[in-house]
Amino acid sequence: MNGLFDFFGRVLRGVIRLALALAALVFVLSLLLASLVVVVGVSLWSLVTGRKPAPAVVFSRFRQTSQRYTQGVWPGGTGGVRRPMGDVVDVEATEVPDAPSPPREPGSRSGPDHTARVIY
């Protein structure tokens, strides 16, 4: 009797696996069909309006940014080879005084008011 239950258990497991695989296949195919419909719709809309599709614009910006940073992190860099900086001018440092504080209104508190918004 045990052999009969094992056989039916294997058959039932096989049927369940087949049903789940079929459900996954239907899901994937419907997802592909939906994405195909969206791509065709966006392409037709871009032809009607005369503009580039938004995904093409975004990917072209990504491509430009990645090309800019493939030469190095710093723009104009040559990948580790240092170029001369040109003329270096040594200047004498001078101290710049702080801006004068605005006149206080009568009756105002002493000290800065950190919660006040000042618009100049």
Protein backbone atom coordinates (compact mmCIF):
# COMPACT_ATOMS: atom_id res chain seq x y z
CA MET A 1 0.00 0.00 0.00
CA ASN A 2 2.94 2.30 0.68
CA GLY A 3 4.14 1.98 -2.91
CA LEU A 4 0.75 3.09 -4.21
CA PHE A 5 0.76 6.24 -2.03
CA ASP A 6 4.33 7.05 -3.10
CA PHE A 7 3.33 6.73 -6.77
CA PHE A 8 0.30 9.03 -6.38
CA GLY A 9 2.42 11.48 -4.36
CA ARG A 10 5.02 11.66 -7.15
CA VAL A 11 2.30 12.10 -9.77
CA LEU A 12 0.65 14.85 -7.73
CA ARG A 13 4.01 16.64 -7.22
CA GLY A 14 4.69 16.42 -10.95
CA VAL A 15 1.26 17.87 -11.79
CA ILE A 16 1.78 20.74 -9.32
CA ARG A 17 5.25 21.49 -10.73
CA LEU A 18 3.85 21.47 -14.26
CA ALA A 19 1.02 23.84 -13.27
CA LEU A 20 3.46 26.25 -11.56
CA ALA A 21 5.82 26.16 -14.54
CA LEU A 22 2.90 26.86 -16.88
CA ALA A 23 1.75 29.78 -14.68
CA ALA A 24 5.29 31.22 -14.67
CA LEU A 25 5.48 30.88 -18.46
CA VAL A 26 2.14 32.68 -18.87
CA PHE A 27 3.32 35.45 -16.53
CA VAL A 28 6.61 35.95 -18.39
CA LEU A 29 4.93 35.94 -21.80
CA SER A 30 2.30 38.45 -20.68
CA LEU A 31 5.03 40.69 -19.25
CA LEU A 32 6.94 40.54 -22.53
CA LEU A 33 3.79 41.28 -24.51
CA ALA A 34 2.94 44.25 -22.29
CA SER A 35 6.44 45.69 -22.62
CA LEU A 36 6.30 45.21 -26.40
CA VAL A 37 2.99 47.09 -26.54
CA VAL A 38 4.45 49.94 -24.47
CA VAL A 39 7.58 50.19 -26.65
CA VAL A 40 5.53 50.23 -29.85
CA GLY A 41 3.13 52.80 -28.39
CA VAL A 42 5.95 55.11 -27.24
CA SER A 43 7.68 54.78 -30.61
CA LEU A 44 4.52 55.64 -32.51
CA TRP A 45 3.83 58.57 -30.18
CA SER A 46 7.36 59.88 -30.73
CA LEU A 47 6.85 59.65 -34.49
CA VAL A 48 3.58 61.57 -34.24
CA THR A 49 4.97 64.32 -31.98
CA GLY A 50 8.39 64.50 -33.64
CA ARG A 51 10.30 64.20 -30.37
CA LYS A 52 12.77 61.62 -29.21
CA PRO A 53 11.27 59.06 -26.85
CA ALA A 54 12.03 59.78 -23.20
CA PRO A 55 13.94 56.51 -22.60
CA ALA A 56 16.26 57.33 -25.53
CA VAL A 57 16.96 60.77 -24.07
CA VAL A 58 17.67 59.33 -20.62
CA PHE A 59 19.99 56.63 -21.96
CA SER A 60 21.86 59.12 -24.14
CA ARG A 61 22.45 61.29 -21.05
CA PHE A 62 23.69 58.26 -19.12
CA ARG A 63 26.03 57.41 -22.01
CA GLN A 64 27.41 60.97 -22.13
CA THR A 65 27.96 61.00 -18.37
CA SER A 66 29.66 57.62 -18.36
CA GLN A 67 31.93 58.67 -21.24
CA ARG A 68 32.86 61.82 -19.35
CA TYR A 69 33.86 59.86 -16.24
CA THR A 70 35.64 56.99 -18.00
CA GLN A 71 38.65 59.23 -18.62
CA GLY A 72 38.96 59.83 -14.90
CA VAL A 73 37.14 61.38 -12.04
CA TRP A 74 38.52 64.85 -12.64
CA PRO A 75 37.68 66.51 -15.95
CA GLY A 76 40.70 67.09 -18.13
CA GLY A 77 42.68 64.46 -16.27
CA THR A 78 45.00 62.16 -18.19
CA GLY A 79 44.64 59.14 -15.96
CA GLY A 80 47.48 59.64 -13.48
CA VAL A 81 49.94 61.54 -15.70
CA ARG A 82 50.47 65.02 -14.26
CA ARG A 83 50.68 67.91 -16.66
CA PRO A 84 52.29 71.21 -15.76
CA MET A 85 49.83 73.67 -14.24
CA GLY A 86 51.18 76.69 -16.10
CA ASP A 87 52.15 79.95 -14.45
CA VAL A 88 51.84 80.03 -10.68
CA VAL A 89 51.33 83.44 -9.13
CA ASP A 90 52.24 83.93 -5.48
CA VAL A 91 50.20 86.66 -3.85
CA GLU A 92 50.34 88.28 -0.45
CA ALA A 93 47.38 87.36 1.74
CA THR A 94 45.30 90.20 3.17
CA GLU A 95 42.64 89.92 5.82
CA VAL A 96 39.15 91.01 4.84
CA PRO A 97 37.21 92.64 7.68
CA ASP A 98 33.76 91.34 8.61
CA ALA A 99 30.78 93.19 7.21
CA PRO A 100 29.35 95.74 9.64
CA SER A 101 26.35 94.47 11.53
CA PRO A 102 23.02 96.15 10.72
CA PRO A 103 21.79 98.72 13.24
CA ARG A 104 19.62 97.33 16.02
CA GLU A 105 16.07 98.34 16.50
CA PRO A 106 15.13 99.76 19.89
CA GLY A 107 13.71 97.11 22.20
CA SER A 108 15.38 94.23 20.41
CA ARG A 109 17.10 91.48 22.33
CA SER A 110 20.83 91.34 22.63
CA GLY A 111 22.60 88.58 20.80
CA PRO A 112 21.74 86.82 17.59
CA ASP A 113 18.23 85.50 17.04
CA HIS A 114 18.77 82.16 15.34
CA THR A 115 15.10 81.64 14.61
CA ALA A 116 14.59 84.94 12.77
CA ARG A 117 14.56 85.04 8.99
CA VAL A 118 16.44 87.95 7.53
CA ILE A 119 15.82 89.00 3.93
CA TYR A 120 18.30 91.41 2.39
